[in-house]
Amino acid sequence: MLRSLVGSEMCIRDRHYVHAGMIGLYGEKMSKSKGNLVFVSSLLAAGIDPFVIRWSLMGHHYRVDRMWNDETLAEAIVQVERLRKALALKEVAPTTELIKHVLDSLSNDLDTVSVVKAINEWSDQTLKGSFGGSSEQLKTVLRSLLGL
């Protein structure tokens, strides 16, 4: 259970601390006083796929400050479309090493940047005709760990 919340650091069961980086918008810090907030609810209402929102956030490490903009979201849309297109194919690039990489990276301080990069590379290989993997196995892992 959550024991305390102070600033951007959380203490969970008095043993684990997490510091999350700030997210800015077009070069400025997001804040209520500036009125420059981007709400997930607004993105969802605009028809943005929830996984696209997650994917775009996973492109940066959770502890690192980052900027949000339309280009970031557009890039995530393209990458997720490519991933889904690759996963829909009968023949896909090898998946065993990719799954191991995903598990190892997430176990290493939630290194989602490495996960996104590896999955994008896998999508490219698959769409270029590489084969030898299991899309069903990869889909199961990505659904379970990343919410695909």
C-alpha atoms as a PDB file:
ATOM      1  CA  MET A   1       0.000   0.000   0.000  1.00  0.00           C
ATOM      2  CA  LEU A   2       1.050   3.550  -0.601  1.00  0.00           C
ATOM      3  CA  ARG A   3       2.357   5.040   2.657  1.00  0.00           C
ATOM      4  CA  SER A   4       3.249   8.581   1.651  1.00  0.00           C
ATOM      5  CA  LEU A   5       3.428  10.848  -1.354  1.00  0.00           C
ATOM      6  CA  VAL A   6       5.821  13.802  -1.298  1.00  0.00           C
ATOM      7  CA  GLY A   7       6.393  15.819  -4.472  1.00  0.00           C
ATOM      8  CA  SER A   8       7.244  13.414  -7.251  1.00  0.00           C
ATOM      9  CA  GLU A   9       8.675  10.773  -4.923  1.00  0.00           C
ATOM     10  CA  MET A  10       6.582   7.965  -3.540  1.00  0.00           C
ATOM     11  CA  CYS A  11       7.406   5.717  -0.641  1.00  0.00           C
ATOM     12  CA  ILE A  12       5.789   2.314  -0.922  1.00  0.00           C
ATOM     13  CA  ARG A  13       5.853   0.170   2.221  1.00  0.00           C
ATOM     14  CA  ASP A  14       8.805   2.244   3.456  1.00  0.00           C
ATOM     15  CA  ARG A  15      11.173   0.344   1.141  1.00  0.00           C
ATOM     16  CA  HIS A  16      10.822   1.624  -2.415  1.00  0.00           C
ATOM     17  CA  TYR A  17      11.114   5.138  -3.755  1.00  0.00           C
ATOM     18  CA  VAL A  18      10.247   6.250  -7.249  1.00  0.00           C
ATOM     19  CA  HIS A  19      11.103   9.609  -8.774  1.00  0.00           C
ATOM     20  CA  ALA A  20       9.277  10.484 -11.978  1.00  0.00           C
ATOM     21  CA  GLY A  21      10.529  13.099 -14.414  1.00  0.00           C
ATOM     22  CA  MET A  22       8.444  16.105 -15.351  1.00  0.00           C
ATOM     23  CA  ILE A  23       6.573  16.246 -18.636  1.00  0.00           C
ATOM     24  CA  GLY A  24       6.589  19.537 -20.455  1.00  0.00           C
ATOM     25  CA  LEU A  25       4.595  20.794 -23.417  1.00  0.00           C
ATOM     26  CA  TYR A  26       6.323  22.489 -26.325  1.00  0.00           C
ATOM     27  CA  GLY A  27       9.333  23.530 -24.267  1.00  0.00           C
ATOM     28  CA  GLU A  28       7.464  24.673 -21.144  1.00  0.00           C
ATOM     29  CA  LYS A  29       6.606  22.939 -17.900  1.00  0.00           C
ATOM     30  CA  MET A  30       2.988  21.793 -17.825  1.00  0.00           C
ATOM     31  CA  SER A  31       1.072  23.481 -15.028  1.00  0.00           C
ATOM     32  CA  LYS A  32      -2.472  24.318 -14.004  1.00  0.00           C
ATOM     33  CA  SER A  33      -1.584  27.987 -13.622  1.00  0.00           C
ATOM     34  CA  LYS A  34      -0.365  28.182 -17.246  1.00  0.00           C
ATOM     35  CA  GLY A  35      -3.345  26.185 -18.447  1.00  0.00           C
ATOM     36  CA  ASN A  36      -1.135  24.102 -20.694  1.00  0.00           C
ATOM     37  CA  LEU A  37      -2.069  20.639 -19.472  1.00  0.00           C
ATOM     38  CA  VAL A  38      -2.712  17.677 -21.744  1.00  0.00           C
ATOM     39  CA  PHE A  39      -5.131  15.268 -20.122  1.00  0.00           C
ATOM     40  CA  VAL A  40      -5.301  11.597 -21.003  1.00  0.00           C
ATOM     41  CA  SER A  41      -9.088  11.919 -20.924  1.00  0.00           C
ATOM     42  CA  SER A  42      -8.868  14.578 -23.656  1.00  0.00           C
ATOM     43  CA  LEU A  43      -6.610  12.397 -25.782  1.00  0.00           C
ATOM     44  CA  LEU A  44      -8.999   9.468 -25.376  1.00  0.00           C
ATOM     45  CA  ALA A  45     -11.991  11.689 -26.224  1.00  0.00           C
ATOM     46  CA  ALA A  46     -10.132  12.724 -29.393  1.00  0.00           C
ATOM     47  CA  GLY A  47      -9.971   9.052 -30.378  1.00  0.00           C
ATOM     48  CA  ILE A  48      -6.332   8.375 -29.503  1.00  0.00           C
ATOM     49  CA  ASP A  49      -5.710   4.698 -28.783  1.00  0.00           C
ATOM     50  CA  PRO A  50      -4.732   4.195 -25.097  1.00  0.00           C
ATOM     51  CA  PHE A  51      -1.811   1.981 -26.129  1.00  0.00           C
ATOM     52  CA  VAL A  52      -0.481   4.761 -28.375  1.00  0.00           C
ATOM     53  CA  ILE A  53      -0.443   7.090 -25.359  1.00  0.00           C
ATOM     54  CA  ARG A  54       1.423   4.483 -23.288  1.00  0.00           C
ATOM     55  CA  TRP A  55       3.827   3.780 -26.170  1.00  0.00           C
ATOM     56  CA  SER A  56       4.683   7.438 -26.555  1.00  0.00           C
ATOM     57  CA  LEU A  57       5.385   7.726 -22.814  1.00  0.00           C
ATOM     58  CA  MET A  58       7.471   4.539 -22.858  1.00  0.00           C
ATOM     59  CA  GLY A  59       9.798   6.125 -25.400  1.00  0.00           C
ATOM     60  CA  HIS A  60      11.484   7.995 -22.527  1.00  0.00           C
ATOM     61  CA  HIS A  61      12.713   6.682 -19.199  1.00  0.00           C
ATOM     62  CA  TYR A  62      10.239   7.385 -16.408  1.00  0.00           C
ATOM     63  CA  ARG A  63      12.810   9.313 -14.342  1.00  0.00           C
ATOM     64  CA  VAL A  64      13.886  11.639 -17.153  1.00  0.00           C
ATOM     65  CA  ASP A  65      12.205  14.978 -17.871  1.00  0.00           C
ATOM     66  CA  ARG A  66      10.666  15.051 -21.347  1.00  0.00           C
ATOM     67  CA  MET A  67       8.587  17.163 -23.662  1.00  0.00           C
ATOM     68  CA  TRP A  68       5.181  16.226 -25.046  1.00  0.00           C
ATOM     69  CA  ASN A  69       4.032  17.497 -28.423  1.00  0.00           C
ATOM     70  CA  ASP A  70       1.973  16.484 -31.426  1.00  0.00           C
ATOM     71  CA  GLU A  71       5.037  15.044 -33.162  1.00  0.00           C
ATOM     72  CA  THR A  72       5.708  12.693 -30.229  1.00  0.00           C
ATOM     73  CA  LEU A  73       2.157  11.396 -30.460  1.00  0.00           C
ATOM     74  CA  ALA A  74       2.247  11.137 -34.270  1.00  0.00           C
ATOM     75  CA  GLU A  75       5.465   9.109 -34.102  1.00  0.00           C
ATOM     76  CA  ALA A  76       3.897   6.742 -31.556  1.00  0.00           C
ATOM     77  CA  ILE A  77       0.847   6.284 -33.802  1.00  0.00           C
ATOM     78  CA  VAL A  78       3.081   5.246 -36.720  1.00  0.00           C
ATOM     79  CA  GLN A  79       5.161   2.887 -34.574  1.00  0.00           C
ATOM     80  CA  VAL A  80       2.119   1.183 -33.033  1.00  0.00           C
ATOM     81  CA  GLU A  81       0.500   0.787 -36.465  1.00  0.00           C
ATOM     82  CA  ARG A  82       3.710  -0.864 -37.730  1.00  0.00           C
ATOM     83  CA  LEU A  83       3.830  -3.140 -34.682  1.00  0.00           C
ATOM     84  CA  ARG A  84       0.210  -4.224 -35.117  1.00  0.00           C
ATOM     85  CA  LYS A  85       0.751  -4.786 -38.848  1.00  0.00           C
ATOM     86  CA  ALA A  86       3.787  -6.957 -38.078  1.00  0.00           C
ATOM     87  CA  LEU A  87       1.949  -8.909 -35.365  1.00  0.00           C
ATOM     88  CA  ALA A  88      -0.890  -9.641 -37.801  1.00  0.00           C
ATOM     89  CA  LEU A  89       1.410 -11.494 -40.201  1.00  0.00           C
ATOM     90  CA  LYS A  90       1.633 -15.285 -40.208  1.00  0.00           C
ATOM     91  CA  GLU A  91       5.407 -15.246 -40.588  1.00  0.00           C
ATOM     92  CA  VAL A  92       7.237 -12.942 -38.164  1.00  0.00           C
ATOM     93  CA  ALA A  93      10.857 -12.280 -37.258  1.00  0.00           C
ATOM     94  CA  PRO A  94      12.330 -14.366 -34.421  1.00  0.00           C
ATOM     95  CA  THR A  95      10.696 -13.569 -31.095  1.00  0.00           C
ATOM     96  CA  THR A  96      12.553 -15.614 -28.473  1.00  0.00           C
ATOM     97  CA  GLU A  97      15.430 -13.161 -28.038  1.00  0.00           C
ATOM     98  CA  LEU A  98      13.081 -10.181 -28.246  1.00  0.00           C
ATOM     99  CA  ILE A  99      10.906 -11.553 -25.442  1.00  0.00           C
ATOM    100  CA  LYS A 100      14.000 -12.191 -23.324  1.00  0.00           C
ATOM    101  CA  HIS A 101      15.180  -8.630 -24.036  1.00  0.00           C
ATOM    102  CA  VAL A 102      11.784  -7.190 -23.058  1.00  0.00           C
ATOM    103  CA  LEU A 103      11.792  -9.099 -19.757  1.00  0.00           C
ATOM    104  CA  ASP A 104      15.418  -8.196 -18.985  1.00  0.00           C
ATOM    105  CA  SER A 105      14.912  -4.521 -19.856  1.00  0.00           C
ATOM    106  CA  LEU A 106      11.761  -4.149 -17.783  1.00  0.00           C
ATOM    107  CA  SER A 107      13.557  -5.836 -14.886  1.00  0.00           C
ATOM    108  CA  ASN A 108      16.386  -3.315 -15.251  1.00  0.00           C
ATOM    109  CA  ASP A 109      14.760  -0.194 -13.757  1.00  0.00           C
ATOM    110  CA  LEU A 110      11.847  -0.335 -16.223  1.00  0.00           C
ATOM    111  CA  ASP A 111      14.049   0.392 -19.225  1.00  0.00           C
ATOM    112  CA  THR A 112      11.125   1.004 -21.563  1.00  0.00           C
ATOM    113  CA  VAL A 113      13.321   2.981 -23.963  1.00  0.00           C
ATOM    114  CA  SER A 114      15.238  -0.196 -24.781  1.00  0.00           C
ATOM    115  CA  VAL A 115      11.981  -2.137 -25.096  1.00  0.00           C
ATOM    116  CA  VAL A 116      10.487   0.352 -27.568  1.00  0.00           C
ATOM    117  CA  LYS A 117      13.683   0.373 -29.629  1.00  0.00           C
ATOM    118  CA  ALA A 118      13.893  -3.435 -29.753  1.00  0.00           C
ATOM    119  CA  ILE A 119      10.229  -3.837 -30.673  1.00  0.00           C
ATOM    120  CA  ASN A 120      10.538  -1.218 -33.420  1.00  0.00           C
ATOM    121  CA  GLU A 121      13.555  -3.081 -34.821  1.00  0.00           C
ATOM    122  CA  TRP A 122      11.608  -6.365 -34.663  1.00  0.00           C
ATOM    123  CA  SER A 123       8.686  -4.754 -36.512  1.00  0.00           C
ATOM    124  CA  ASP A 124      11.073  -3.528 -39.230  1.00  0.00           C
ATOM    125  CA  GLN A 125      12.634  -6.999 -39.589  1.00  0.00           C
ATOM    126  CA  THR A 126       9.221  -8.654 -39.763  1.00  0.00           C
ATOM    127  CA  LEU A 127       7.880  -6.223 -42.354  1.00  0.00           C
ATOM    128  CA  LYS A 128      11.018  -6.822 -44.455  1.00  0.00           C
ATOM    129  CA  GLY A 129      10.222 -10.557 -44.527  1.00  0.00           C
ATOM    130  CA  SER A 130      12.250 -12.044 -41.690  1.00  0.00           C
ATOM    131  CA  PHE A 131      10.637 -15.101 -40.137  1.00  0.00           C
ATOM    132  CA  GLY A 132      11.113 -17.741 -37.454  1.00  0.00           C
ATOM    133  CA  GLY A 133       9.129 -16.324 -34.553  1.00  0.00           C
ATOM    134  CA  SER A 134       5.735 -16.639 -32.915  1.00  0.00           C
ATOM    135  CA  SER A 135       3.457 -13.617 -33.134  1.00  0.00           C
ATOM    136  CA  GLU A 136       1.005 -15.224 -30.691  1.00  0.00           C
ATOM    137  CA  GLN A 137       3.712 -15.662 -28.065  1.00  0.00           C
ATOM    138  CA  LEU A 138       4.888 -12.069 -28.520  1.00  0.00           C
ATOM    139  CA  LYS A 139       1.302 -10.742 -28.424  1.00  0.00           C
ATOM    140  CA  THR A 140       0.754 -12.524 -25.102  1.00  0.00           C
ATOM    141  CA  VAL A 141       3.893 -10.970 -23.617  1.00  0.00           C
ATOM    142  CA  LEU A 142       3.087  -7.486 -24.922  1.00  0.00           C
ATOM    143  CA  ARG A 143      -0.522  -7.698 -23.687  1.00  0.00           C
ATOM    144  CA  SER A 144       0.580  -8.877 -20.252  1.00  0.00           C
ATOM    145  CA  LEU A 145       3.506  -6.514 -19.722  1.00  0.00           C
ATOM    146  CA  LEU A 146       2.709  -3.431 -21.810  1.00  0.00           C
ATOM    147  CA  GLY A 147      -1.068  -3.485 -22.180  1.00  0.00           C
ATOM    148  CA  LEU A 148      -1.142  -3.971 -25.965  1.00  0.00           C
END
